[in-house]
Amino acid sequence: MFKTVLFPIDQTRESRHAADLVANIVKTYNSSLTILAVVEPASGGEAEGDAKSPMQSEEAIAKLLDGARQMFSGQGVEAKTMHREGKPAFVICDVADDINADLIIMGSHGVDMAEGNIGDSVSDRVINLSPCPVLIVP
């Protein structure tokens, strides 16, 4: 039923809570898993490194994705990882379309990687734009 699952992650508690459900679904349906981290681009007019929060450094992204991959591997789930730059909801939906995802699983209060953009819910936007079903985990 769910051949390909996309799991967008960030450093929120909700994202960490969703991981157990992701592992369960991937094992149950023998799905392939792709873990995605999305970084908002630096705002215009500033030097590239100046506008990014510490979470947006290449090193921080690599550490987040590697930690997630190891956590899933410890549960017997192999995962592909990727990171992209752009507006989180749009990137998540584009990647879901590109990999032919059958399901997106994400935390309910996930925010984009740039702090301070909490006003709009990424999960709400993904629900409205997604090419496949979306499971939101509180």
N, C-alpha and C. Protein backbone atom coordinates (compact mmCIF):
# COMPACT_ATOMS: atom_id res chain seq x y z
N MET A 1 0.81 -1.19 0.00
CA MET A 1 0.00 0.00 0.00
C MET A 1 0.86 1.26 0.00
N PHE A 2 1.85 1.33 0.88
CA PHE A 2 2.75 2.49 0.93
C PHE A 2 4.14 2.02 0.53
N LYS A 3 4.43 2.08 -0.76
CA LYS A 3 5.73 1.61 -1.25
C LYS A 3 6.85 2.58 -0.90
N THR A 4 6.54 3.87 -0.93
CA THR A 4 7.55 4.90 -0.69
C THR A 4 7.01 5.91 0.32
N VAL A 5 7.74 6.07 1.42
CA VAL A 5 7.35 7.00 2.48
C VAL A 5 8.37 8.12 2.55
N LEU A 6 7.88 9.35 2.61
CA LEU A 6 8.73 10.53 2.78
C LEU A 6 8.55 11.04 4.20
N PHE A 7 9.66 11.26 4.88
CA PHE A 7 9.65 11.76 6.26
C PHE A 7 10.47 13.04 6.34
N PRO A 8 9.80 14.20 6.22
CA PRO A 8 10.51 15.47 6.39
C PRO A 8 10.81 15.68 7.87
N ILE A 9 12.06 16.06 8.18
CA ILE A 9 12.44 16.22 9.58
C ILE A 9 13.00 17.61 9.84
N ASP A 10 12.91 17.98 11.09
CA ASP A 10 13.60 19.15 11.61
C ASP A 10 13.98 18.79 13.04
N GLN A 11 14.32 19.77 13.86
CA GLN A 11 14.76 19.45 15.21
C GLN A 11 13.66 19.58 16.25
N THR A 12 12.41 19.57 15.83
CA THR A 12 11.32 19.71 16.79
C THR A 12 11.00 18.40 17.50
N ARG A 13 10.37 18.52 18.64
CA ARG A 13 9.93 17.36 19.41
C ARG A 13 8.93 16.55 18.59
N GLU A 14 8.06 17.22 17.86
CA GLU A 14 7.04 16.53 17.06
C GLU A 14 7.68 15.66 15.98
N SER A 15 8.73 16.14 15.40
CA SER A 15 9.44 15.36 14.39
C SER A 15 10.04 14.10 15.01
N ARG A 16 10.62 14.25 16.18
CA ARG A 16 11.20 13.07 16.87
C ARG A 16 10.11 12.08 17.26
N HIS A 17 8.95 12.56 17.69
CA HIS A 17 7.85 11.67 18.07
C HIS A 17 7.32 10.90 16.86
N ALA A 18 7.32 11.53 15.72
CA ALA A 18 6.81 10.89 14.50
C ALA A 18 7.70 9.74 14.05
N ALA A 19 8.96 9.75 14.43
CA ALA A 19 9.92 8.75 13.95
C ALA A 19 9.51 7.32 14.29
N ASP A 20 8.97 7.09 15.48
CA ASP A 20 8.56 5.73 15.85
C ASP A 20 7.43 5.23 14.95
N LEU A 21 6.49 6.10 14.67
CA LEU A 21 5.39 5.72 13.78
C LEU A 21 5.90 5.47 12.36
N VAL A 22 6.83 6.29 11.91
CA VAL A 22 7.43 6.11 10.59
C VAL A 22 8.06 4.72 10.50
N ALA A 23 8.86 4.37 11.49
CA ALA A 23 9.52 3.05 11.49
C ALA A 23 8.49 1.93 11.46
N ASN A 24 7.44 2.07 12.24
CA ASN A 24 6.40 1.05 12.29
C ASN A 24 5.73 0.89 10.93
N ILE A 25 5.36 1.99 10.29
CA ILE A 25 4.68 1.91 8.99
C ILE A 25 5.60 1.35 7.92
N VAL A 26 6.86 1.81 7.92
CA VAL A 26 7.82 1.33 6.91
C VAL A 26 8.05 -0.17 7.06
N LYS A 27 8.15 -0.65 8.29
CA LYS A 27 8.34 -2.09 8.50
C LYS A 27 7.08 -2.87 8.13
N THR A 28 5.92 -2.36 8.51
CA THR A 28 4.66 -3.04 8.23
C THR A 28 4.42 -3.22 6.74
N TYR A 29 4.69 -2.18 5.97
CA TYR A 29 4.40 -2.21 4.53
C TYR A 29 5.64 -2.50 3.68
N ASN A 30 6.78 -2.76 4.34
CA ASN A 30 8.03 -3.01 3.63
C ASN A 30 8.31 -1.88 2.63
N SER A 31 8.15 -0.66 3.12
CA SER A 31 8.30 0.54 2.28
C SER A 31 9.75 0.97 2.19
N SER A 32 10.04 1.76 1.17
CA SER A 32 11.32 2.46 1.14
C SER A 32 11.09 3.79 1.85
N LEU A 33 12.11 4.26 2.56
CA LEU A 33 12.00 5.47 3.35
C LEU A 33 13.01 6.51 2.87
N THR A 34 12.51 7.72 2.66
CA THR A 34 13.38 8.85 2.35
C THR A 34 13.18 9.89 3.44
N ILE A 35 14.28 10.30 4.06
CA ILE A 35 14.27 11.33 5.08
C ILE A 35 14.74 12.63 4.43
N LEU A 36 13.99 13.69 4.63
CA LEU A 36 14.26 14.96 3.97
C LEU A 36 14.42 16.08 4.99
N ALA A 37 15.47 16.88 4.84
CA ALA A 37 15.64 18.12 5.60
C ALA A 37 15.58 19.26 4.61
N VAL A 38 14.82 20.30 4.93
CA VAL A 38 14.66 21.44 4.05
C VAL A 38 15.24 22.68 4.72
N VAL A 39 16.04 23.40 3.97
CA VAL A 39 16.67 24.62 4.46
C VAL A 39 16.12 25.79 3.67
N GLU A 40 15.67 26.81 4.39
CA GLU A 40 15.22 28.02 3.70
C GLU A 40 16.44 28.76 3.17
N PRO A 41 16.35 29.32 1.96
CA PRO A 41 17.48 30.07 1.42
C PRO A 41 17.74 31.33 2.24
N ALA A 42 18.99 31.78 2.20
CA ALA A 42 19.35 33.03 2.88
C ALA A 42 18.54 34.16 2.25
N SER A 43 18.12 35.11 3.07
CA SER A 43 17.34 36.23 2.53
C SER A 43 18.25 37.14 1.73
N GLY A 44 17.67 37.79 0.75
CA GLY A 44 18.44 38.62 -0.17
C GLY A 44 19.18 39.76 0.51
N GLY A 45 20.29 40.17 -0.08
CA GLY A 45 21.03 41.30 0.39
C GLY A 45 22.06 40.99 1.46
N GLU A 46 22.02 39.82 2.04
CA GLU A 46 22.98 39.49 3.07
C GLU A 46 23.94 38.44 2.54
N ALA A 47 25.11 38.40 3.14
CA ALA A 47 26.07 37.39 2.76
C ALA A 47 25.46 36.02 3.04
N GLU A 48 25.81 35.05 2.25
CA GLU A 48 25.16 33.74 2.34
C GLU A 48 25.15 33.18 3.75
N GLY A 49 26.25 33.25 4.45
CA GLY A 49 26.32 32.67 5.79
C GLY A 49 25.62 33.50 6.84
N ASP A 50 25.40 34.79 6.60
CA ASP A 50 24.84 35.67 7.62
C ASP A 50 23.39 35.40 7.94
N ALA A 51 22.57 35.07 6.97
CA ALA A 51 21.13 34.95 7.18
C ALA A 51 20.72 33.57 7.69
N LYS A 52 21.59 32.62 7.66
CA LYS A 52 21.22 31.26 8.05
C LYS A 52 21.36 31.09 9.56
N SER A 53 20.40 30.38 10.13
CA SER A 53 20.48 30.04 11.54
C SER A 53 21.49 28.91 11.70
N PRO A 54 21.93 28.64 12.94
CA PRO A 54 22.89 27.54 13.14
C PRO A 54 22.37 26.21 12.62
N MET A 55 21.05 25.99 12.65
CA MET A 55 20.49 24.72 12.16
C MET A 55 20.69 24.59 10.66
N GLN A 56 20.91 25.69 9.96
CA GLN A 56 20.99 25.63 8.51
C GLN A 56 22.40 25.41 7.97
N SER A 57 23.37 25.27 8.81
CA SER A 57 24.71 25.00 8.30
C SER A 57 24.75 23.60 7.70
N GLU A 58 25.62 23.43 6.73
CA GLU A 58 25.77 22.11 6.10
C GLU A 58 26.10 21.05 7.14
N GLU A 59 26.94 21.42 8.10
CA GLU A 59 27.34 20.48 9.14
C GLU A 59 26.15 20.07 10.01
N ALA A 60 25.31 21.03 10.37
CA ALA A 60 24.14 20.74 11.20
C ALA A 60 23.14 19.86 10.45
N ILE A 61 22.94 20.15 9.18
CA ILE A 61 22.02 19.35 8.37
C ILE A 61 22.54 17.92 8.24
N ALA A 62 23.83 17.79 7.96
CA ALA A 62 24.43 16.46 7.83
C ALA A 62 24.30 15.68 9.14
N LYS A 63 24.51 16.36 10.26
CA LYS A 63 24.41 15.71 11.57
C LYS A 63 22.97 15.27 11.84
N LEU A 64 21.99 16.12 11.53
CA LEU A 64 20.59 15.78 11.72
C LEU A 64 20.20 14.56 10.88
N LEU A 65 20.56 14.58 9.61
CA LEU A 65 20.21 13.47 8.72
C LEU A 65 20.93 12.19 9.10
N ASP A 66 22.21 12.29 9.46
CA ASP A 66 22.97 11.10 9.86
C ASP A 66 22.39 10.50 11.14
N GLY A 67 22.02 11.35 12.09
CA GLY A 67 21.41 10.86 13.33
C GLY A 67 20.10 10.15 13.06
N ALA A 68 19.29 10.71 12.16
CA ALA A 68 18.01 10.07 11.82
C ALA A 68 18.24 8.74 11.12
N ARG A 69 19.18 8.72 10.18
CA ARG A 69 19.47 7.47 9.47
C ARG A 69 19.95 6.39 10.45
N GLN A 70 20.82 6.76 11.39
CA GLN A 70 21.31 5.79 12.38
C GLN A 70 20.20 5.29 13.29
N MET A 71 19.31 6.20 13.69
CA MET A 71 18.19 5.82 14.55
C MET A 71 17.31 4.80 13.84
N PHE A 72 16.99 5.04 12.56
CA PHE A 72 16.18 4.09 11.81
C PHE A 72 16.93 2.79 11.58
N SER A 73 18.21 2.87 11.29
CA SER A 73 19.02 1.67 11.08
C SER A 73 19.01 0.79 12.33
N GLY A 74 19.05 1.42 13.49
CA GLY A 74 18.98 0.69 14.75
C GLY A 74 17.66 -0.04 14.94
N GLN A 75 16.63 0.38 14.21
CA GLN A 75 15.33 -0.28 14.26
C GLN A 75 15.12 -1.21 13.07
N GLY A 76 16.18 -1.45 12.31
CA GLY A 76 16.10 -2.36 11.18
C GLY A 76 15.50 -1.74 9.93
N VAL A 77 15.53 -0.41 9.83
CA VAL A 77 14.97 0.28 8.68
C VAL A 77 16.08 1.04 7.96
N GLU A 78 16.26 0.71 6.70
CA GLU A 78 17.24 1.46 5.90
C GLU A 78 16.55 2.68 5.30
N ALA A 79 17.26 3.80 5.26
CA ALA A 79 16.66 5.03 4.76
C ALA A 79 17.64 5.78 3.87
N LYS A 80 17.08 6.43 2.87
CA LYS A 80 17.84 7.37 2.04
C LYS A 80 17.66 8.74 2.69
N THR A 81 18.65 9.58 2.57
CA THR A 81 18.52 10.94 3.10
C THR A 81 18.78 11.94 1.99
N MET A 82 18.16 13.10 2.13
CA MET A 82 18.42 14.19 1.20
C MET A 82 18.12 15.51 1.89
N HIS A 83 18.77 16.55 1.42
CA HIS A 83 18.39 17.88 1.88
C HIS A 83 18.27 18.78 0.67
N ARG A 84 17.34 19.71 0.79
CA ARG A 84 17.06 20.64 -0.30
C ARG A 84 16.92 22.04 0.29
N GLU A 85 17.07 23.01 -0.56
CA GLU A 85 16.89 24.40 -0.16
C GLU A 85 15.62 24.93 -0.78
N GLY A 86 14.85 25.70 -0.01
CA GLY A 86 13.63 26.30 -0.53
C GLY A 86 12.60 26.46 0.56
N LYS A 87 11.40 26.83 0.17
CA LYS A 87 10.29 26.96 1.12
C LYS A 87 9.84 25.55 1.50
N PRO A 88 9.85 25.22 2.79
CA PRO A 88 9.64 23.83 3.22
C PRO A 88 8.42 23.12 2.63
N ALA A 89 7.25 23.71 2.70
CA ALA A 89 6.05 23.00 2.22
C ALA A 89 6.14 22.70 0.73
N PHE A 90 6.62 23.65 -0.04
CA PHE A 90 6.73 23.44 -1.49
C PHE A 90 7.78 22.38 -1.81
N VAL A 91 8.91 22.45 -1.11
CA VAL A 91 9.98 21.47 -1.35
C VAL A 91 9.53 20.07 -0.96
N ILE A 92 8.86 19.95 0.18
CA ILE A 92 8.37 18.64 0.63
C ILE A 92 7.45 18.03 -0.43
N CYS A 93 6.53 18.82 -0.92
CA CYS A 93 5.58 18.32 -1.92
C CYS A 93 6.27 18.02 -3.26
N ASP A 94 7.24 18.85 -3.65
CA ASP A 94 7.99 18.58 -4.87
C ASP A 94 8.78 17.29 -4.77
N VAL A 95 9.44 17.08 -3.63
CA VAL A 95 10.22 15.85 -3.44
C VAL A 95 9.27 14.65 -3.41
N ALA A 96 8.15 14.78 -2.74
CA ALA A 96 7.17 13.67 -2.72
C ALA A 96 6.76 13.30 -4.13
N ASP A 97 6.55 14.30 -4.96
CA ASP A 97 6.18 14.05 -6.36
C ASP A 97 7.35 13.40 -7.11
N ASP A 98 8.56 13.93 -6.90
CA ASP A 98 9.75 13.42 -7.61
C ASP A 98 10.04 11.95 -7.29
N ILE A 99 9.84 11.56 -6.03
CA ILE A 99 10.16 10.18 -5.64
C ILE A 99 8.94 9.27 -5.69
N ASN A 100 7.82 9.80 -6.18
CA ASN A 100 6.56 9.05 -6.24
C ASN A 100 6.15 8.51 -4.87
N ALA A 101 6.24 9.38 -3.87
CA ALA A 101 5.86 8.98 -2.51
C ALA A 101 4.39 8.60 -2.46
N ASP A 102 4.11 7.56 -1.69
CA ASP A 102 2.74 7.13 -1.46
C ASP A 102 2.19 7.73 -0.17
N LEU A 103 3.11 8.25 0.68
CA LEU A 103 2.71 8.78 1.98
C LEU A 103 3.80 9.72 2.48
N ILE A 104 3.36 10.85 3.04
CA ILE A 104 4.25 11.77 3.76
C ILE A 104 3.85 11.68 5.22
N ILE A 105 4.82 11.48 6.09
CA ILE A 105 4.56 11.46 7.53
C ILE A 105 5.39 12.58 8.14
N MET A 106 4.73 13.45 8.91
CA MET A 106 5.46 14.56 9.51
C MET A 106 4.83 14.98 10.82
N GLY A 107 5.61 15.68 11.63
CA GLY A 107 5.12 16.21 12.89
C GLY A 107 4.13 17.34 12.68
N SER A 108 3.25 17.53 13.64
CA SER A 108 2.17 18.51 13.48
C SER A 108 2.62 19.95 13.60
N HIS A 109 3.67 20.20 14.30
CA HIS A 109 4.09 21.58 14.51
C HIS A 109 5.47 21.84 13.93
N GLY A 110 5.84 21.08 12.93
CA GLY A 110 7.13 21.29 12.31
C GLY A 110 7.23 22.70 11.76
N VAL A 111 8.37 23.31 11.96
CA VAL A 111 8.61 24.65 11.42
C VAL A 111 9.72 24.54 10.41
N ASP A 112 9.81 25.52 9.53
CA ASP A 112 10.91 25.48 8.60
C ASP A 112 12.20 25.68 9.36
N MET A 113 13.30 25.39 8.74
CA MET A 113 14.57 25.36 9.42
C MET A 113 14.99 26.74 9.93
N ALA A 114 14.51 27.80 9.36
CA ALA A 114 14.83 29.14 9.81
C ALA A 114 13.88 29.49 10.94
N GLU A 115 14.41 29.71 12.11
CA GLU A 115 13.55 30.04 13.24
C GLU A 115 12.88 31.38 12.99
N GLY A 116 11.74 31.56 13.60
CA GLY A 116 11.02 32.81 13.45
C GLY A 116 9.94 32.75 12.40
N ASN A 117 9.84 31.67 11.66
CA ASN A 117 8.80 31.52 10.64
C ASN A 117 7.70 30.60 11.14
N ILE A 118 7.29 30.82 12.37
CA ILE A 118 6.35 29.92 13.01
C ILE A 118 4.90 30.28 12.70
N GLY A 119 4.65 31.47 12.16
CA GLY A 119 3.29 31.93 11.92
C GLY A 119 2.48 31.01 11.03
N ASP A 120 3.06 30.47 10.01
CA ASP A 120 2.36 29.58 9.10
C ASP A 120 2.82 28.15 9.36
N SER A 121 1.88 27.25 9.45
CA SER A 121 2.21 25.86 9.70
C SER A 121 2.63 25.17 8.41
N VAL A 122 3.81 24.62 8.43
CA VAL A 122 4.30 23.86 7.27
C VAL A 122 3.39 22.67 7.01
N SER A 123 2.96 22.00 8.09
CA SER A 123 2.10 20.82 7.90
C SER A 123 0.77 21.19 7.25
N ASP A 124 0.19 22.34 7.60
CA ASP A 124 -1.04 22.77 6.96
C ASP A 124 -0.84 22.99 5.46
N ARG A 125 0.25 23.61 5.11
CA ARG A 125 0.53 23.85 3.69
C ARG A 125 0.76 22.54 2.94
N VAL A 126 1.48 21.61 3.57
CA VAL A 126 1.75 20.32 2.92
C VAL A 126 0.44 19.59 2.67
N ILE A 127 -0.45 19.59 3.65
CA ILE A 127 -1.75 18.93 3.48
C ILE A 127 -2.46 19.47 2.25
N ASN A 128 -2.41 20.77 2.05
CA ASN A 128 -3.12 21.40 0.93
C ASN A 128 -2.43 21.23 -0.41
N LEU A 129 -1.12 20.99 -0.42
CA LEU A 129 -0.36 20.92 -1.67
C LEU A 129 0.08 19.51 -2.07
N SER A 130 0.00 18.57 -1.17
CA SER A 130 0.60 17.26 -1.36
C SER A 130 0.00 16.46 -2.52
N PRO A 131 0.88 15.74 -3.26
CA PRO A 131 0.40 14.85 -4.31
C PRO A 131 -0.01 13.47 -3.80
N CYS A 132 0.11 13.27 -2.48
CA CYS A 132 -0.21 11.96 -1.88
C CYS A 132 -0.78 12.17 -0.49
N PRO A 133 -1.27 11.12 0.16
CA PRO A 133 -1.78 11.26 1.52
C PRO A 133 -0.69 11.76 2.48
N VAL A 134 -1.13 12.51 3.50
CA VAL A 134 -0.23 13.06 4.49
C VAL A 134 -0.73 12.60 5.87
N LEU A 135 0.17 12.04 6.65
CA LEU A 135 -0.14 11.63 8.02
C LEU A 135 0.58 12.60 8.94
N ILE A 136 -0.21 13.34 9.74
CA ILE A 136 0.35 14.30 10.68
C ILE A 136 0.36 13.67 12.06
N VAL A 137 1.52 13.70 12.70
CA VAL A 137 1.68 13.10 14.02
C VAL A 137 1.82 14.22 15.05
N PRO A 138 0.93 14.23 16.06
CA PRO A 138 1.01 15.30 17.08
C PRO A 138 2.23 15.17 17.96
